[in-house]
């Protein structure tokens, strides 16, 4: 990527999602324990693997006070993204963060 091009510079749909989250923020919406299975399925629709470092950086930046302990723990976890959410899976619990 050309470093002379100012950010946000979207090279892929994933970059656009990360840029939107970095500039607009994310908000913790719910965990899978707070919603029905159907609501969970709706939130997970179209989910694809996300860049762990990017997701943790964004969540720490915008919701760090509430989720700092999870970010510090090196528990194996999975990170997913949709057009509207990041899904942070930690200790078999899915945490949904809406992308503002």
N, C-alpha and C. Protein backbone atom coordinates (compact mmCIF):
# COMPACT_ATOMS: atom_id res chain seq x y z
N UNK A 1 0.85 -1.17 0.00
CA UNK A 1 0.00 0.00 0.00
C UNK A 1 0.89 1.23 0.00
N UNK A 2 0.55 2.21 -0.77
CA UNK A 2 1.32 3.44 -0.89
C UNK A 2 1.17 4.27 0.37
N UNK A 3 2.28 4.56 1.05
CA UNK A 3 2.22 5.30 2.31
C UNK A 3 1.89 6.78 2.10
N UNK A 4 1.95 7.28 0.85
CA UNK A 4 1.62 8.68 0.58
C UNK A 4 0.11 8.94 0.54
N UNK A 5 -0.68 7.88 0.45
CA UNK A 5 -2.13 8.03 0.38
C UNK A 5 -2.66 8.16 1.80
N UNK A 6 -3.40 9.23 2.09
CA UNK A 6 -3.90 9.41 3.45
C UNK A 6 -4.94 8.37 3.83
N UNK A 7 -4.99 8.03 5.12
CA UNK A 7 -6.00 7.12 5.64
C UNK A 7 -7.27 7.90 5.86
N UNK A 8 -8.47 7.38 5.85
CA UNK A 8 -8.68 5.99 5.47
C UNK A 8 -8.58 5.77 3.97
N UNK A 9 -7.84 4.77 3.60
CA UNK A 9 -7.72 4.35 2.22
C UNK A 9 -8.18 2.90 2.15
N UNK A 10 -9.26 2.64 1.50
CA UNK A 10 -9.88 1.33 1.50
C UNK A 10 -9.33 0.48 0.36
N UNK A 11 -8.63 -0.57 0.72
CA UNK A 11 -8.12 -1.47 -0.30
C UNK A 11 -8.99 -2.72 -0.40
N UNK A 12 -9.68 -3.06 0.67
CA UNK A 12 -10.58 -4.22 0.68
C UNK A 12 -11.81 -3.87 1.50
N UNK A 13 -12.87 -4.65 1.36
CA UNK A 13 -14.04 -4.41 2.23
C UNK A 13 -13.69 -4.50 3.71
N UNK A 14 -12.75 -5.39 4.07
CA UNK A 14 -12.34 -5.50 5.48
C UNK A 14 -11.68 -4.21 5.95
N UNK A 15 -10.82 -3.61 5.12
CA UNK A 15 -10.18 -2.35 5.50
C UNK A 15 -11.22 -1.27 5.76
N UNK A 16 -12.28 -1.26 4.96
CA UNK A 16 -13.34 -0.28 5.14
C UNK A 16 -14.02 -0.46 6.49
N UNK A 17 -14.26 -1.71 6.88
CA UNK A 17 -14.88 -1.99 8.18
C UNK A 17 -13.96 -1.53 9.30
N UNK A 18 -12.68 -1.87 9.24
CA UNK A 18 -11.74 -1.47 10.29
C UNK A 18 -11.62 0.05 10.36
N UNK A 19 -11.52 0.71 9.22
CA UNK A 19 -11.42 2.18 9.21
C UNK A 19 -12.66 2.83 9.81
N UNK A 20 -13.83 2.31 9.46
CA UNK A 20 -15.07 2.85 10.01
C UNK A 20 -15.10 2.70 11.53
N UNK A 21 -14.64 1.56 12.02
CA UNK A 21 -14.62 1.32 13.47
C UNK A 21 -13.59 2.19 14.17
N UNK A 22 -12.44 2.39 13.54
CA UNK A 22 -11.41 3.24 14.15
C UNK A 22 -11.86 4.69 14.24
N UNK A 23 -12.52 5.18 13.22
CA UNK A 23 -12.92 6.59 13.21
C UNK A 23 -14.24 6.84 13.92
N UNK A 24 -15.19 5.92 13.82
CA UNK A 24 -16.50 6.12 14.43
C UNK A 24 -16.69 5.43 15.76
N UNK A 25 -15.84 4.46 16.03
CA UNK A 25 -15.91 3.74 17.29
C UNK A 25 -16.77 2.50 17.24
N UNK A 26 -16.72 1.77 18.33
CA UNK A 26 -17.56 0.60 18.53
C UNK A 26 -18.23 0.73 19.90
N UNK A 27 -19.36 0.08 20.03
CA UNK A 27 -20.10 0.10 21.29
C UNK A 27 -20.49 -1.33 21.64
N UNK A 28 -20.22 -1.72 22.87
CA UNK A 28 -20.65 -3.05 23.30
C UNK A 28 -22.17 -3.10 23.24
N UNK A 29 -22.68 -4.11 22.55
CA UNK A 29 -24.13 -4.23 22.39
C UNK A 29 -24.71 -5.30 23.31
N UNK A 30 -24.12 -6.50 23.29
CA UNK A 30 -24.65 -7.59 24.11
C UNK A 30 -23.70 -8.78 24.04
N UNK A 31 -23.99 -9.77 24.87
CA UNK A 31 -23.30 -11.05 24.75
C UNK A 31 -24.34 -12.08 24.34
N UNK A 32 -23.89 -13.25 23.96
CA UNK A 32 -24.83 -14.28 23.52
C UNK A 32 -25.76 -14.71 24.65
N UNK A 33 -25.35 -14.50 25.89
CA UNK A 33 -26.20 -14.84 27.04
C UNK A 33 -27.38 -13.89 27.20
N UNK A 34 -27.30 -12.71 26.56
CA UNK A 34 -28.33 -11.69 26.71
C UNK A 34 -29.43 -11.76 25.65
N UNK A 35 -29.26 -12.62 24.65
CA UNK A 35 -30.17 -12.61 23.50
C UNK A 35 -30.64 -14.03 23.18
N UNK A 36 -31.66 -14.11 22.35
CA UNK A 36 -32.16 -15.42 21.93
C UNK A 36 -31.25 -16.01 20.85
N UNK A 37 -31.43 -17.28 20.60
CA UNK A 37 -30.64 -17.94 19.56
C UNK A 37 -30.90 -17.31 18.19
N UNK A 38 -32.15 -16.95 17.93
CA UNK A 38 -32.49 -16.31 16.65
C UNK A 38 -31.82 -14.95 16.51
N UNK A 39 -31.79 -14.16 17.58
CA UNK A 39 -31.11 -12.85 17.54
C UNK A 39 -29.62 -13.05 17.32
N UNK A 40 -29.07 -14.07 17.97
CA UNK A 40 -27.65 -14.36 17.79
C UNK A 40 -27.36 -14.72 16.34
N UNK A 41 -28.20 -15.57 15.77
CA UNK A 41 -28.02 -15.97 14.37
C UNK A 41 -28.09 -14.75 13.44
N UNK A 42 -29.00 -13.84 13.73
CA UNK A 42 -29.11 -12.62 12.92
C UNK A 42 -27.82 -11.78 13.01
N UNK A 43 -27.28 -11.65 14.22
CA UNK A 43 -26.05 -10.87 14.39
C UNK A 43 -24.85 -11.54 13.73
N UNK A 44 -24.85 -12.87 13.69
CA UNK A 44 -23.73 -13.62 13.13
C UNK A 44 -23.81 -13.79 11.61
N UNK A 45 -24.94 -13.42 11.02
CA UNK A 45 -25.12 -13.63 9.58
C UNK A 45 -24.02 -12.93 8.79
N UNK A 46 -23.38 -13.68 7.94
CA UNK A 46 -22.32 -13.14 7.10
C UNK A 46 -20.99 -12.93 7.80
N UNK A 47 -20.85 -13.45 9.01
CA UNK A 47 -19.61 -13.26 9.77
C UNK A 47 -18.44 -13.97 9.10
N UNK A 48 -17.33 -13.27 9.07
CA UNK A 48 -16.09 -13.84 8.55
C UNK A 48 -14.98 -13.58 9.56
N UNK A 49 -13.92 -14.31 9.40
CA UNK A 49 -12.78 -14.17 10.30
C UNK A 49 -12.25 -12.73 10.27
N UNK A 50 -11.90 -12.23 11.45
CA UNK A 50 -11.38 -10.87 11.55
C UNK A 50 -9.92 -10.90 12.01
N UNK A 51 -9.23 -9.82 11.75
CA UNK A 51 -7.85 -9.66 12.19
C UNK A 51 -7.83 -9.43 13.70
N UNK A 52 -7.28 -10.37 14.43
CA UNK A 52 -7.27 -10.32 15.90
C UNK A 52 -6.65 -9.03 16.41
N UNK A 53 -5.50 -8.65 15.88
CA UNK A 53 -4.81 -7.44 16.36
C UNK A 53 -5.65 -6.19 16.12
N UNK A 54 -6.27 -6.11 14.95
CA UNK A 54 -7.11 -4.94 14.63
C UNK A 54 -8.31 -4.87 15.56
N UNK A 55 -9.00 -5.99 15.74
CA UNK A 55 -10.20 -6.01 16.59
C UNK A 55 -9.84 -5.65 18.03
N UNK A 56 -8.79 -6.23 18.56
CA UNK A 56 -8.40 -5.93 19.94
C UNK A 56 -7.98 -4.47 20.08
N UNK A 57 -7.30 -3.94 19.10
CA UNK A 57 -6.90 -2.53 19.13
C UNK A 57 -8.14 -1.62 19.16
N UNK A 58 -9.11 -1.92 18.33
CA UNK A 58 -10.32 -1.09 18.23
C UNK A 58 -11.15 -1.21 19.50
N UNK A 59 -11.35 -2.43 20.00
CA UNK A 59 -12.14 -2.61 21.23
C UNK A 59 -11.44 -1.93 22.40
N UNK A 60 -10.14 -2.07 22.49
CA UNK A 60 -9.40 -1.43 23.59
C UNK A 60 -9.51 0.09 23.50
N UNK A 61 -9.44 0.62 22.29
CA UNK A 61 -9.53 2.07 22.10
C UNK A 61 -10.88 2.61 22.53
N UNK A 62 -11.96 1.94 22.14
CA UNK A 62 -13.30 2.48 22.37
C UNK A 62 -14.01 1.92 23.58
N UNK A 63 -13.70 0.71 24.00
CA UNK A 63 -14.39 0.08 25.13
C UNK A 63 -13.39 -0.53 26.11
N UNK A 64 -12.18 -0.01 26.13
CA UNK A 64 -11.10 -0.59 26.91
C UNK A 64 -11.36 -0.72 28.39
N UNK A 65 -12.00 0.26 28.98
CA UNK A 65 -12.26 0.21 30.42
C UNK A 65 -13.06 -1.02 30.80
N UNK A 66 -14.03 -1.38 30.00
CA UNK A 66 -14.92 -2.49 30.32
C UNK A 66 -14.34 -3.85 29.96
N UNK A 67 -13.42 -3.90 29.00
CA UNK A 67 -12.95 -5.18 28.49
C UNK A 67 -11.44 -5.37 28.60
N UNK A 68 -10.79 -4.52 29.39
CA UNK A 68 -9.33 -4.58 29.53
C UNK A 68 -8.84 -5.95 30.01
N UNK A 69 -9.52 -6.54 30.99
CA UNK A 69 -9.08 -7.83 31.52
C UNK A 69 -9.09 -8.91 30.44
N UNK A 70 -10.11 -8.91 29.59
CA UNK A 70 -10.17 -9.90 28.52
C UNK A 70 -9.04 -9.69 27.52
N UNK A 71 -8.69 -8.44 27.26
CA UNK A 71 -7.64 -8.15 26.29
C UNK A 71 -6.27 -8.57 26.84
N UNK A 72 -6.09 -8.48 28.16
CA UNK A 72 -4.81 -8.83 28.77
C UNK A 72 -4.62 -10.35 28.79
N UNK A 73 -5.69 -11.07 29.07
CA UNK A 73 -5.61 -12.54 29.10
C UNK A 73 -5.29 -13.06 27.71
N UNK A 74 -4.43 -14.02 27.65
CA UNK A 74 -4.09 -14.61 26.36
C UNK A 74 -4.84 -15.92 26.15
N UNK A 75 -6.11 -15.92 26.58
CA UNK A 75 -6.98 -17.06 26.38
C UNK A 75 -7.23 -17.21 24.88
N UNK A 76 -7.10 -18.42 24.36
CA UNK A 76 -7.40 -18.58 22.94
C UNK A 76 -8.82 -18.10 22.64
N UNK A 77 -8.94 -17.22 21.70
CA UNK A 77 -10.26 -16.71 21.36
C UNK A 77 -10.32 -16.45 19.87
N UNK A 78 -11.53 -16.22 19.41
CA UNK A 78 -11.78 -16.04 17.99
C UNK A 78 -12.36 -14.65 17.77
N UNK A 79 -12.07 -14.07 16.64
CA UNK A 79 -12.57 -12.75 16.29
C UNK A 79 -13.26 -12.82 14.93
N UNK A 80 -14.47 -12.31 14.88
CA UNK A 80 -15.23 -12.30 13.63
C UNK A 80 -15.68 -10.88 13.34
N UNK A 81 -16.09 -10.65 12.09
CA UNK A 81 -16.62 -9.34 11.71
C UNK A 81 -17.79 -9.54 10.76
N UNK A 82 -18.71 -8.60 10.83
CA UNK A 82 -19.78 -8.50 9.84
C UNK A 82 -19.75 -7.05 9.37
N UNK A 83 -20.67 -6.67 8.53
CA UNK A 83 -20.74 -5.27 8.09
C UNK A 83 -21.06 -4.32 9.24
N UNK A 84 -21.72 -4.84 10.27
CA UNK A 84 -22.20 -3.97 11.35
C UNK A 84 -21.61 -4.27 12.71
N UNK A 85 -20.91 -5.41 12.88
CA UNK A 85 -20.44 -5.80 14.20
C UNK A 85 -19.07 -6.48 14.15
N UNK A 86 -18.37 -6.36 15.30
CA UNK A 86 -17.24 -7.25 15.60
C UNK A 86 -17.76 -8.23 16.62
N UNK A 87 -17.33 -9.48 16.50
CA UNK A 87 -17.69 -10.50 17.48
C UNK A 87 -16.40 -10.98 18.11
N UNK A 88 -16.30 -10.78 19.40
CA UNK A 88 -15.14 -11.19 20.18
C UNK A 88 -15.57 -12.39 21.00
N UNK A 89 -14.98 -13.54 20.73
CA UNK A 89 -15.38 -14.77 21.42
C UNK A 89 -14.30 -15.11 22.44
N UNK A 90 -14.72 -15.15 23.69
CA UNK A 90 -13.79 -15.37 24.80
C UNK A 90 -14.45 -16.31 25.79
N UNK A 91 -13.75 -17.39 26.15
CA UNK A 91 -14.27 -18.37 27.11
C UNK A 91 -15.68 -18.84 26.75
N UNK A 92 -15.86 -19.16 25.49
CA UNK A 92 -17.12 -19.70 24.94
C UNK A 92 -18.28 -18.71 25.04
N UNK A 93 -17.99 -17.43 25.19
CA UNK A 93 -19.02 -16.40 25.20
C UNK A 93 -18.76 -15.45 24.04
N UNK A 94 -19.79 -15.16 23.27
CA UNK A 94 -19.67 -14.23 22.14
C UNK A 94 -20.09 -12.84 22.61
N UNK A 95 -19.21 -11.87 22.40
CA UNK A 95 -19.48 -10.47 22.74
C UNK A 95 -19.64 -9.71 21.44
N UNK A 96 -20.76 -9.01 21.28
CA UNK A 96 -21.08 -8.28 20.05
C UNK A 96 -20.86 -6.79 20.25
N UNK A 97 -20.03 -6.21 19.40
CA UNK A 97 -19.74 -4.78 19.41
C UNK A 97 -20.26 -4.18 18.12
N UNK A 98 -21.18 -3.25 18.22
CA UNK A 98 -21.68 -2.60 17.02
C UNK A 98 -20.67 -1.57 16.54
N UNK A 99 -20.52 -1.50 15.23
CA UNK A 99 -19.62 -0.53 14.63
C UNK A 99 -20.43 0.72 14.35
N UNK A 100 -20.03 1.82 14.98
CA UNK A 100 -20.77 3.08 14.87
C UNK A 100 -20.58 3.72 13.50
